[in-house]
């Protein structure tokens, strides 16, 4: 392990050269496979909120959330209608610790609404897993400790597809040893 570049990329050394890992899409892949159960049937880890919070939505968002409530509960949110267009949130997926859970849930609902409007269809369970994993993942610009980087790399190595995020973007690039030596005119 070498470290983090631009608080966005993890740079690691291998026998073949340098590997550059996009931390966001790597974490997105790890969370996606966890949410959809590719690592076996495990319960989604939840973090109960000390004080339940209320999410206020517009009518369209509230209707869509009501339709997709089971899927959102399935990815780790514990919420229920709270009169009108509001929902009370009692627990959130543990994967979003240290982040604003209402903002993430609101952003997720906004994306669900946008997808349903632009594609004229209600998002599928898999699309919700993909959207959720993106919202829960570390972002470009988030500083990571060495331990967090090592854990992310280990978790990524254990995935079924460590090469592409759920959206199809590449997770890693390799700068081969021979290519690096040629770039510096060492061969």
N, C-alpha and C. Protein backbone atom coordinates (compact mmCIF):
# COMPACT_ATOMS: atom_id res chain seq x y z
N UNK A 1 0.86 -1.18 0.00
CA UNK A 1 0.00 0.00 0.00
C UNK A 1 0.90 1.23 0.00
N UNK A 2 0.55 2.18 -0.81
CA UNK A 2 1.30 3.43 -0.85
C UNK A 2 0.51 4.55 -0.20
N UNK A 3 -0.74 4.74 -0.60
CA UNK A 3 -1.52 5.80 0.01
C UNK A 3 -2.66 6.26 -0.86
N UNK A 4 -3.06 7.50 -0.58
CA UNK A 4 -4.22 8.08 -1.25
C UNK A 4 -3.76 9.31 -2.03
N UNK A 5 -4.26 9.46 -3.23
CA UNK A 5 -3.95 10.62 -4.07
C UNK A 5 -5.22 11.43 -4.27
N UNK A 6 -5.13 12.73 -4.08
CA UNK A 6 -6.23 13.66 -4.31
C UNK A 6 -7.47 13.32 -3.49
N UNK A 7 -7.29 12.60 -2.38
CA UNK A 7 -8.42 12.14 -1.57
C UNK A 7 -9.49 11.48 -2.42
N UNK A 8 -9.05 10.82 -3.50
CA UNK A 8 -9.98 10.20 -4.44
C UNK A 8 -9.51 8.82 -4.89
N UNK A 9 -8.21 8.65 -5.01
CA UNK A 9 -7.65 7.41 -5.54
C UNK A 9 -6.73 6.76 -4.51
N UNK A 10 -6.84 5.45 -4.40
CA UNK A 10 -5.92 4.67 -3.58
C UNK A 10 -4.85 4.15 -4.53
N UNK A 11 -3.61 4.36 -4.18
CA UNK A 11 -2.49 3.90 -5.01
C UNK A 11 -1.79 2.79 -4.26
N UNK A 12 -1.66 1.64 -4.90
CA UNK A 12 -1.03 0.47 -4.26
C UNK A 12 -0.01 -0.13 -5.21
N UNK A 13 1.01 -0.73 -4.63
CA UNK A 13 2.04 -1.40 -5.41
C UNK A 13 1.76 -2.90 -5.43
N UNK A 14 1.92 -3.50 -6.61
CA UNK A 14 1.81 -4.95 -6.74
C UNK A 14 3.07 -5.46 -7.42
N UNK A 15 3.16 -6.76 -7.61
CA UNK A 15 4.32 -7.33 -8.31
C UNK A 15 4.36 -6.88 -9.76
N UNK A 16 3.23 -6.44 -10.28
CA UNK A 16 3.14 -6.07 -11.70
C UNK A 16 3.30 -4.58 -11.95
N UNK A 17 3.27 -3.77 -10.90
CA UNK A 17 3.39 -2.32 -11.08
C UNK A 17 2.56 -1.58 -10.05
N UNK A 18 1.95 -0.48 -10.48
CA UNK A 18 1.09 0.31 -9.61
C UNK A 18 -0.37 0.12 -10.00
N UNK A 19 -1.21 0.02 -8.98
CA UNK A 19 -2.64 -0.07 -9.20
C UNK A 19 -3.26 1.20 -8.62
N UNK A 20 -4.10 1.86 -9.41
CA UNK A 20 -4.82 3.04 -8.96
C UNK A 20 -6.29 2.64 -8.85
N UNK A 21 -6.85 2.84 -7.67
CA UNK A 21 -8.23 2.42 -7.38
C UNK A 21 -9.07 3.65 -7.09
N UNK A 22 -10.18 3.79 -7.79
CA UNK A 22 -11.13 4.87 -7.52
C UNK A 22 -11.91 4.47 -6.27
N UNK A 23 -11.70 5.19 -5.17
CA UNK A 23 -12.27 4.78 -3.88
C UNK A 23 -13.79 4.78 -3.89
N UNK A 24 -14.43 5.70 -4.61
CA UNK A 24 -15.88 5.76 -4.61
C UNK A 24 -16.47 4.54 -5.31
N UNK A 25 -16.01 4.26 -6.52
CA UNK A 25 -16.62 3.15 -7.26
C UNK A 25 -16.24 1.80 -6.65
N UNK A 26 -15.07 1.72 -6.01
CA UNK A 26 -14.69 0.48 -5.31
C UNK A 26 -15.66 0.24 -4.16
N UNK A 27 -15.91 1.28 -3.37
CA UNK A 27 -16.82 1.14 -2.23
C UNK A 27 -18.24 0.88 -2.70
N UNK A 28 -18.60 1.51 -3.81
CA UNK A 28 -19.93 1.29 -4.39
C UNK A 28 -20.12 -0.19 -4.74
N UNK A 29 -19.11 -0.81 -5.35
CA UNK A 29 -19.17 -2.24 -5.71
C UNK A 29 -19.33 -3.09 -4.46
N UNK A 30 -18.55 -2.80 -3.42
CA UNK A 30 -18.61 -3.57 -2.18
C UNK A 30 -20.02 -3.47 -1.57
N UNK A 31 -20.55 -2.26 -1.47
CA UNK A 31 -21.87 -2.06 -0.87
C UNK A 31 -22.95 -2.71 -1.73
N UNK A 32 -22.85 -2.56 -3.05
CA UNK A 32 -23.85 -3.16 -3.95
C UNK A 32 -23.95 -4.67 -3.73
N UNK A 33 -22.79 -5.34 -3.71
CA UNK A 33 -22.83 -6.80 -3.55
C UNK A 33 -23.36 -7.18 -2.17
N UNK A 34 -23.11 -6.36 -1.18
CA UNK A 34 -23.65 -6.59 0.16
C UNK A 34 -25.18 -6.43 0.15
N UNK A 35 -25.66 -5.35 -0.47
CA UNK A 35 -27.11 -5.08 -0.49
C UNK A 35 -27.88 -6.15 -1.24
N UNK A 36 -27.34 -6.60 -2.36
CA UNK A 36 -28.12 -7.56 -3.16
C UNK A 36 -27.85 -9.01 -2.75
N UNK A 37 -27.04 -9.20 -1.70
CA UNK A 37 -26.87 -10.55 -1.15
C UNK A 37 -25.93 -11.45 -1.90
N UNK A 38 -25.03 -10.89 -2.72
CA UNK A 38 -24.09 -11.74 -3.45
C UNK A 38 -23.09 -12.42 -2.52
N UNK A 39 -22.93 -11.91 -1.34
CA UNK A 39 -22.01 -12.51 -0.37
C UNK A 39 -22.75 -13.46 0.58
N UNK A 40 -23.93 -13.88 0.18
CA UNK A 40 -24.71 -14.78 1.01
C UNK A 40 -25.83 -14.02 1.71
N UNK A 41 -26.79 -14.75 2.23
CA UNK A 41 -27.93 -14.10 2.87
C UNK A 41 -27.56 -13.57 4.26
N UNK A 42 -27.21 -12.31 4.31
CA UNK A 42 -26.90 -11.69 5.61
C UNK A 42 -27.84 -10.52 5.80
N UNK A 43 -28.20 -10.29 7.03
CA UNK A 43 -29.07 -9.15 7.33
C UNK A 43 -28.28 -7.86 7.15
N UNK A 44 -28.92 -6.85 6.59
CA UNK A 44 -28.29 -5.55 6.41
C UNK A 44 -28.09 -4.93 7.79
N UNK A 45 -26.87 -4.54 8.07
CA UNK A 45 -26.58 -3.93 9.37
C UNK A 45 -27.19 -2.54 9.42
N UNK A 46 -27.94 -2.27 10.51
CA UNK A 46 -28.62 -0.98 10.68
C UNK A 46 -28.03 -0.24 11.87
N UNK A 47 -28.14 1.07 11.81
CA UNK A 47 -27.77 1.92 12.93
C UNK A 47 -29.02 2.64 13.38
N UNK A 48 -29.47 2.34 14.59
CA UNK A 48 -30.65 3.02 15.12
C UNK A 48 -30.28 4.46 15.43
N UNK A 49 -31.17 5.38 15.12
CA UNK A 49 -30.96 6.78 15.44
C UNK A 49 -31.34 7.02 16.89
N UNK A 50 -30.53 7.80 17.59
CA UNK A 50 -30.84 8.10 18.99
C UNK A 50 -32.18 8.80 19.10
N UNK A 51 -32.42 9.71 18.17
CA UNK A 51 -33.69 10.42 18.10
C UNK A 51 -34.24 10.23 16.69
N UNK A 52 -35.41 9.63 16.55
CA UNK A 52 -35.98 9.48 15.20
C UNK A 52 -36.07 10.84 14.51
N UNK A 53 -35.86 10.84 13.19
CA UNK A 53 -35.91 12.07 12.43
C UNK A 53 -37.04 12.00 11.42
N UNK A 54 -37.53 13.17 11.05
CA UNK A 54 -38.65 13.24 10.11
C UNK A 54 -38.18 13.72 8.76
N UNK A 55 -38.55 12.97 7.73
CA UNK A 55 -38.25 13.32 6.35
C UNK A 55 -39.51 13.89 5.73
N UNK A 56 -39.45 15.15 5.29
CA UNK A 56 -40.60 15.81 4.65
C UNK A 56 -40.38 15.78 3.14
N UNK A 57 -41.40 15.34 2.41
CA UNK A 57 -41.30 15.20 0.96
C UNK A 57 -42.43 15.93 0.27
N UNK A 58 -42.26 16.15 -1.04
CA UNK A 58 -43.39 16.65 -1.82
C UNK A 58 -44.29 15.46 -2.15
N UNK A 59 -45.45 15.75 -2.71
CA UNK A 59 -46.43 14.69 -2.95
C UNK A 59 -45.90 13.59 -3.86
N UNK A 60 -45.28 13.96 -4.98
CA UNK A 60 -44.78 12.96 -5.93
C UNK A 60 -43.75 12.05 -5.26
N UNK A 61 -42.83 12.65 -4.52
CA UNK A 61 -41.79 11.86 -3.84
C UNK A 61 -42.40 10.94 -2.79
N UNK A 62 -43.39 11.44 -2.07
CA UNK A 62 -44.04 10.65 -1.03
C UNK A 62 -44.75 9.43 -1.63
N UNK A 63 -45.43 9.63 -2.76
CA UNK A 63 -46.14 8.52 -3.41
C UNK A 63 -45.14 7.46 -3.87
N UNK A 64 -44.04 7.89 -4.48
CA UNK A 64 -43.04 6.93 -4.96
C UNK A 64 -42.39 6.21 -3.78
N UNK A 65 -42.09 6.94 -2.72
CA UNK A 65 -41.49 6.31 -1.55
C UNK A 65 -42.45 5.26 -0.98
N UNK A 66 -43.70 5.58 -0.93
CA UNK A 66 -44.69 4.61 -0.42
C UNK A 66 -44.68 3.35 -1.28
N UNK A 67 -44.56 3.51 -2.60
CA UNK A 67 -44.54 2.35 -3.51
C UNK A 67 -43.28 1.51 -3.32
N UNK A 68 -42.16 2.14 -2.98
CA UNK A 68 -40.86 1.46 -2.87
C UNK A 68 -40.39 1.31 -1.43
N UNK A 69 -41.31 1.45 -0.48
CA UNK A 69 -40.95 1.39 0.93
C UNK A 69 -40.27 0.06 1.29
N UNK A 70 -40.80 -1.06 0.82
CA UNK A 70 -40.22 -2.36 1.14
C UNK A 70 -38.78 -2.48 0.65
N UNK A 71 -38.50 -1.95 -0.55
CA UNK A 71 -37.14 -2.01 -1.08
C UNK A 71 -36.18 -1.15 -0.24
N UNK A 72 -36.64 0.02 0.20
CA UNK A 72 -35.79 0.88 1.02
C UNK A 72 -35.57 0.27 2.41
N UNK A 73 -36.58 -0.39 2.93
CA UNK A 73 -36.40 -1.12 4.19
C UNK A 73 -35.40 -2.25 3.97
N UNK A 74 -35.47 -2.86 2.81
CA UNK A 74 -34.56 -3.95 2.48
C UNK A 74 -33.09 -3.55 2.39
N UNK A 75 -32.81 -2.27 2.10
CA UNK A 75 -31.42 -1.82 2.05
C UNK A 75 -30.98 -1.20 3.38
N UNK A 76 -31.83 -1.26 4.39
CA UNK A 76 -31.40 -0.88 5.73
C UNK A 76 -32.05 0.34 6.36
N UNK A 77 -32.96 0.99 5.66
CA UNK A 77 -33.66 2.12 6.27
C UNK A 77 -34.86 1.59 7.05
N UNK A 78 -35.08 2.11 8.22
CA UNK A 78 -36.27 1.78 8.98
C UNK A 78 -37.09 3.06 9.04
N UNK A 79 -38.17 3.09 8.26
CA UNK A 79 -39.00 4.29 8.17
C UNK A 79 -40.44 3.90 7.97
N UNK A 80 -41.32 4.84 8.28
CA UNK A 80 -42.74 4.59 8.14
C UNK A 80 -43.46 5.92 7.91
N UNK A 81 -44.63 5.86 7.27
CA UNK A 81 -45.39 7.09 7.05
C UNK A 81 -45.66 7.79 8.37
N UNK A 82 -45.66 9.13 8.32
CA UNK A 82 -45.83 9.92 9.54
C UNK A 82 -46.81 11.07 9.29
N UNK A 83 -47.83 10.79 8.50
CA UNK A 83 -48.86 11.79 8.22
C UNK A 83 -48.49 12.66 7.03
N UNK A 84 -49.45 12.87 6.18
CA UNK A 84 -49.22 13.69 4.99
C UNK A 84 -48.11 13.10 4.12
N UNK A 85 -47.17 13.95 3.75
CA UNK A 85 -46.05 13.52 2.91
C UNK A 85 -44.78 13.30 3.73
N UNK A 86 -44.89 13.07 5.02
CA UNK A 86 -43.74 12.91 5.89
C UNK A 86 -43.54 11.45 6.29
N UNK A 87 -42.30 11.13 6.60
CA UNK A 87 -41.92 9.80 7.06
C UNK A 87 -41.02 9.96 8.27
N UNK A 88 -41.20 9.08 9.26
CA UNK A 88 -40.29 9.09 10.40
C UNK A 88 -39.23 8.02 10.13
N UNK A 89 -37.97 8.41 10.34
CA UNK A 89 -36.83 7.53 10.10
C UNK A 89 -36.28 7.12 11.46
N UNK A 90 -36.26 5.82 11.73
CA UNK A 90 -35.80 5.31 13.03
C UNK A 90 -34.42 4.66 12.96
N UNK A 91 -34.04 4.15 11.80
CA UNK A 91 -32.73 3.52 11.64
C UNK A 91 -32.29 3.70 10.19
N UNK A 92 -30.99 3.64 10.00
CA UNK A 92 -30.41 3.81 8.67
C UNK A 92 -29.36 2.72 8.46
N UNK A 93 -29.00 2.45 7.20
CA UNK A 93 -27.95 1.46 6.97
C UNK A 93 -26.65 1.89 7.66
N UNK A 94 -26.00 0.95 8.31
CA UNK A 94 -24.75 1.27 9.02
C UNK A 94 -23.68 1.77 8.06
N UNK A 95 -23.80 1.44 6.80
CA UNK A 95 -22.81 1.87 5.80
C UNK A 95 -22.75 3.39 5.66
N UNK A 96 -23.77 4.11 6.10
CA UNK A 96 -23.74 5.57 5.95
C UNK A 96 -23.35 6.28 7.24
N UNK A 97 -22.70 5.58 8.14
CA UNK A 97 -22.25 6.23 9.38
C UNK A 97 -21.39 7.44 9.05
N UNK A 98 -21.45 8.41 9.91
CA UNK A 98 -20.71 9.67 9.76
C UNK A 98 -21.22 10.54 8.62
N UNK A 99 -22.40 10.25 8.12
CA UNK A 99 -23.00 11.07 7.07
C UNK A 99 -24.40 11.46 7.52
N UNK A 100 -24.97 12.46 6.87
CA UNK A 100 -26.31 12.92 7.20
C UNK A 100 -27.33 11.95 6.59
N UNK A 101 -27.98 11.12 7.43
CA UNK A 101 -28.87 10.09 6.89
C UNK A 101 -30.09 10.65 6.17
N UNK A 102 -30.65 11.77 6.65
CA UNK A 102 -31.81 12.34 5.96
C UNK A 102 -31.43 12.89 4.60
N UNK A 103 -30.25 13.46 4.49
CA UNK A 103 -29.79 13.97 3.18
C UNK A 103 -29.60 12.81 2.21
N UNK A 104 -28.98 11.74 2.67
CA UNK A 104 -28.78 10.58 1.80
C UNK A 104 -30.12 9.98 1.38
N UNK A 105 -31.03 9.82 2.32
CA UNK A 105 -32.35 9.27 1.99
C UNK A 105 -33.10 10.21 1.05
N UNK A 106 -33.04 11.52 1.33
CA UNK A 106 -33.69 12.50 0.45
C UNK A 106 -33.10 12.48 -0.95
N UNK A 107 -31.76 12.40 -1.05
CA UNK A 107 -31.11 12.32 -2.36
C UNK A 107 -31.52 11.05 -3.09
N UNK A 108 -31.62 9.96 -2.35
CA UNK A 108 -32.03 8.69 -2.96
C UNK A 108 -33.46 8.79 -3.48
N UNK A 109 -34.35 9.36 -2.71
CA UNK A 109 -35.75 9.52 -3.15
C UNK A 109 -35.79 10.45 -4.37
N UNK A 110 -35.01 11.54 -4.36
CA UNK A 110 -34.96 12.44 -5.51
C UNK A 110 -34.52 11.70 -6.77
N UNK A 111 -33.51 10.83 -6.63
CA UNK A 111 -33.02 10.09 -7.80
C UNK A 111 -34.07 9.08 -8.27
N UNK A 112 -34.77 8.46 -7.33
CA UNK A 112 -35.85 7.54 -7.70
C UNK A 112 -36.93 8.27 -8.50
N UNK A 113 -37.30 9.47 -8.03
CA UNK A 113 -38.31 10.26 -8.72
C UNK A 113 -37.80 10.66 -10.10
N UNK A 114 -36.57 11.15 -10.18
CA UNK A 114 -35.99 11.56 -11.47
C UNK A 114 -35.96 10.40 -12.45
N UNK A 115 -35.56 9.22 -11.96
CA UNK A 115 -35.52 8.04 -12.83
C UNK A 115 -36.91 7.67 -13.31
N UNK A 116 -37.88 7.73 -12.41
CA UNK A 116 -39.24 7.36 -12.82
C UNK A 116 -39.82 8.36 -13.82
N UNK A 117 -39.42 9.64 -13.70
CA UNK A 117 -39.91 10.65 -14.64
C UNK A 117 -39.20 10.53 -15.98
N UNK A 118 -37.86 10.48 -15.94
CA UNK A 118 -37.09 10.50 -17.19
C UNK A 118 -37.24 9.21 -17.98
N UNK A 119 -37.38 8.08 -17.28
CA UNK A 119 -37.51 6.80 -17.99
C UNK A 119 -38.95 6.29 -18.04
N UNK A 120 -39.84 7.04 -17.42
CA UNK A 120 -41.26 6.71 -17.40
C UNK A 120 -41.52 5.29 -16.87
N UNK A 121 -40.75 4.91 -15.86
CA UNK A 121 -40.99 3.63 -15.21
C UNK A 121 -40.54 3.72 -13.75
N UNK A 122 -41.14 2.89 -12.95
CA UNK A 122 -40.77 2.85 -11.54
C UNK A 122 -39.48 2.05 -11.41
N UNK A 123 -38.49 2.57 -10.69
CA UNK A 123 -37.22 1.87 -10.57
C UNK A 123 -37.38 0.46 -9.99
N UNK A 124 -36.58 -0.46 -10.53
CA UNK A 124 -36.61 -1.84 -10.07
C UNK A 124 -35.82 -1.97 -8.76
N UNK A 125 -35.92 -3.12 -8.15
CA UNK A 125 -35.16 -3.39 -6.93
C UNK A 125 -33.66 -3.26 -7.19
N UNK A 126 -33.18 -3.78 -8.31
CA UNK A 126 -31.75 -3.69 -8.62
C UNK A 126 -31.32 -2.23 -8.81
N UNK A 127 -32.14 -1.42 -9.46
CA UNK A 127 -31.81 0.00 -9.60
C UNK A 127 -31.75 0.68 -8.24
N UNK A 128 -32.60 0.27 -7.32
CA UNK A 128 -32.57 0.84 -5.97
C UNK A 128 -31.28 0.42 -5.26
N UNK A 129 -30.86 -0.85 -5.46
CA UNK A 129 -29.58 -1.29 -4.88
C UNK A 129 -28.42 -0.45 -5.43
N UNK A 130 -28.45 -0.23 -6.74
CA UNK A 130 -27.38 0.54 -7.38
C UNK A 130 -27.38 1.98 -6.86
N UNK A 131 -28.55 2.62 -6.84
CA UNK A 131 -28.64 4.00 -6.35
C UNK A 131 -28.22 4.09 -4.89
N UNK A 132 -28.66 3.13 -4.08
CA UNK A 132 -28.34 3.13 -2.66
C UNK A 132 -26.85 2.96 -2.44
N UNK A 133 -26.23 2.05 -3.17
CA UNK A 133 -24.79 1.82 -2.99
C UNK A 133 -24.01 3.07 -3.36
N UNK A 134 -24.45 3.78 -4.37
CA UNK A 134 -23.78 5.02 -4.78
C UNK A 134 -23.91 6.09 -3.69
N UNK A 135 -25.10 6.23 -3.14
CA UNK A 135 -25.33 7.25 -2.11
C UNK A 135 -24.59 6.94 -0.82
N UNK A 136 -24.43 5.65 -0.49
CA UNK A 136 -23.80 5.25 0.77
C UNK A 136 -22.28 5.22 0.70
N UNK A 137 -21.73 5.12 -0.50
CA UNK A 137 -20.28 4.94 -0.66
C UNK A 137 -19.50 6.20 -0.30
N UNK A 138 -18.23 6.00 0.09
CA UNK A 138 -17.35 7.15 0.28
C UNK A 138 -17.29 7.91 -1.03
N UNK A 139 -17.02 9.17 -0.95
CA UNK A 139 -17.02 10.02 -2.15
C UNK A 139 -15.60 10.39 -2.54
N UNK A 140 -15.44 10.82 -3.77
CA UNK A 140 -14.19 11.43 -4.19
C UNK A 140 -14.00 12.67 -3.32
N UNK A 141 -12.82 12.83 -2.76
CA UNK A 141 -12.55 13.95 -1.89
C UNK A 141 -12.61 13.60 -0.41
N UNK A 142 -13.13 12.40 -0.09
CA UNK A 142 -13.16 11.96 1.31
C UNK A 142 -11.79 11.41 1.70
N UNK A 143 -11.15 12.00 2.70
CA UNK A 143 -9.87 11.42 3.14
C UNK A 143 -10.12 10.09 3.84
N UNK A 144 -9.26 9.11 3.58
CA UNK A 144 -9.36 7.80 4.22
C UNK A 144 -8.08 7.52 4.99
N UNK A 145 -8.22 6.83 6.11
CA UNK A 145 -7.04 6.41 6.85
C UNK A 145 -6.42 5.21 6.14
N UNK A 146 -5.21 4.87 6.51
CA UNK A 146 -4.55 3.70 5.94
C UNK A 146 -5.38 2.45 6.21
N UNK A 147 -5.89 2.33 7.43
CA UNK A 147 -6.71 1.16 7.77
C UNK A 147 -7.98 1.10 6.91
N UNK A 148 -8.62 2.25 6.66
CA UNK A 148 -9.82 2.27 5.83
C UNK A 148 -9.49 1.88 4.38
N UNK A 149 -8.35 2.35 3.89
CA UNK A 149 -7.95 1.98 2.53
C UNK A 149 -7.67 0.48 2.43
N UNK A 150 -6.97 -0.05 3.41
CA UNK A 150 -6.66 -1.49 3.40
C UNK A 150 -7.93 -2.33 3.47
N UNK A 151 -8.88 -1.91 4.31
CA UNK A 151 -10.15 -2.64 4.42
C UNK A 151 -10.92 -2.57 3.11
N UNK A 152 -10.95 -1.40 2.50
CA UNK A 152 -11.66 -1.27 1.23
C UNK A 152 -11.05 -2.17 0.16
N UNK A 153 -9.73 -2.22 0.09
CA UNK A 153 -9.07 -3.09 -0.89
C UNK A 153 -9.38 -4.56 -0.60
N UNK A 154 -9.33 -4.96 0.66
CA UNK A 154 -9.64 -6.35 1.03
C UNK A 154 -11.10 -6.67 0.69
N UNK A 155 -12.02 -5.76 1.02
CA UNK A 155 -13.44 -5.98 0.71
C UNK A 155 -13.65 -6.06 -0.80
N UNK A 156 -12.97 -5.20 -1.55
CA UNK A 156 -13.09 -5.21 -3.01
C UNK A 156 -12.58 -6.53 -3.58
N UNK A 157 -11.46 -7.02 -3.07
CA UNK A 157 -10.89 -8.28 -3.55
C UNK A 157 -11.85 -9.45 -3.33
N UNK A 158 -12.72 -9.34 -2.33
CA UNK A 158 -13.66 -10.42 -2.02
C UNK A 158 -14.95 -10.34 -2.84
N UNK A 159 -15.10 -9.31 -3.69
CA UNK A 159 -16.33 -9.18 -4.48
C UNK A 159 -16.30 -10.10 -5.69
N UNK A 160 -17.47 -10.33 -6.26
CA UNK A 160 -17.56 -11.15 -7.47
C UNK A 160 -17.00 -10.44 -8.68
N UNK A 161 -17.10 -9.11 -8.69
CA UNK A 161 -16.60 -8.33 -9.83
C UNK A 161 -15.82 -7.13 -9.32
N UNK A 162 -14.52 -7.30 -9.06
CA UNK A 162 -13.73 -6.18 -8.54
C UNK A 162 -13.26 -5.20 -9.62
N UNK A 163 -13.78 -5.34 -10.83
CA UNK A 163 -13.29 -4.54 -11.95
C UNK A 163 -14.22 -3.40 -12.37
N UNK A 164 -15.54 -3.60 -12.15
CA UNK A 164 -16.51 -2.59 -12.58
C UNK A 164 -17.49 -2.27 -11.45
N UNK A 165 -17.86 -1.00 -11.34
CA UNK A 165 -18.88 -0.63 -10.37
C UNK A 165 -20.24 -1.06 -10.93
N UNK A 166 -21.30 -0.99 -10.13
CA UNK A 166 -22.62 -1.41 -10.62
C UNK A 166 -23.12 -0.61 -11.83
N UNK A 167 -22.58 0.61 -12.03
CA UNK A 167 -22.95 1.41 -13.20
C UNK A 167 -22.12 1.04 -14.43
N UNK A 168 -21.08 0.22 -14.24
CA UNK A 168 -20.23 -0.20 -15.36
C UNK A 168 -18.94 0.58 -15.50
N UNK A 169 -18.63 1.47 -14.54
CA UNK A 169 -17.38 2.23 -14.60
C UNK A 169 -16.23 1.39 -14.08
N UNK A 170 -15.02 1.59 -14.63
CA UNK A 170 -13.87 0.82 -14.12
C UNK A 170 -13.51 1.24 -12.70
N UNK A 171 -13.06 0.27 -11.92
CA UNK A 171 -12.68 0.52 -10.53
C UNK A 171 -11.17 0.74 -10.41
N UNK A 172 -10.41 0.00 -11.18
CA UNK A 172 -8.95 0.08 -11.08
C UNK A 172 -8.31 0.26 -12.45
N UNK A 173 -7.13 0.84 -12.42
CA UNK A 173 -6.26 0.81 -13.60
C UNK A 173 -4.89 0.37 -13.09
N UNK A 174 -4.16 -0.31 -13.94
CA UNK A 174 -2.83 -0.78 -13.58
C UNK A 174 -1.81 -0.12 -14.49
N UNK A 175 -0.81 0.45 -13.87
CA UNK A 175 0.34 0.97 -14.59
C UNK A 175 1.42 -0.08 -14.44
N UNK A 176 1.63 -0.87 -15.50
CA UNK A 176 2.56 -1.99 -15.44
C UNK A 176 3.99 -1.55 -15.17
N UNK A 177 4.73 -2.44 -14.55
CA UNK A 177 6.13 -2.18 -14.20
C UNK A 177 6.95 -1.81 -15.43
N UNK A 178 6.82 -2.60 -16.48
CA UNK A 178 7.59 -2.34 -17.71
C UNK A 178 7.20 -1.01 -18.33
N UNK A 179 5.91 -0.70 -18.35
CA UNK A 179 5.46 0.57 -18.92
C UNK A 179 6.00 1.75 -18.10
N UNK A 180 5.98 1.62 -16.78
CA UNK A 180 6.53 2.68 -15.93
C UNK A 180 8.02 2.88 -16.19
N UNK A 181 8.74 1.77 -16.29
CA UNK A 181 10.18 1.88 -16.57
C UNK A 181 10.43 2.55 -17.91
N UNK A 182 9.63 2.21 -18.93
CA UNK A 182 9.78 2.84 -20.25
C UNK A 182 9.48 4.33 -20.18
N UNK A 183 8.43 4.70 -19.41
CA UNK A 183 8.07 6.12 -19.30
C UNK A 183 9.22 6.94 -18.73
N UNK A 184 10.00 6.34 -17.87
CA UNK A 184 11.12 7.05 -17.27
C UNK A 184 12.45 6.70 -17.94
N UNK A 185 12.33 6.07 -19.14
CA UNK A 185 13.49 5.71 -19.95
C UNK A 185 14.51 4.91 -19.14
N UNK A 186 14.00 3.90 -18.44
CA UNK A 186 14.86 3.04 -17.63
C UNK A 186 15.01 1.66 -18.27
N UNK A 187 14.56 1.47 -19.49
CA UNK A 187 14.72 0.16 -20.15
C UNK A 187 15.52 0.32 -21.43
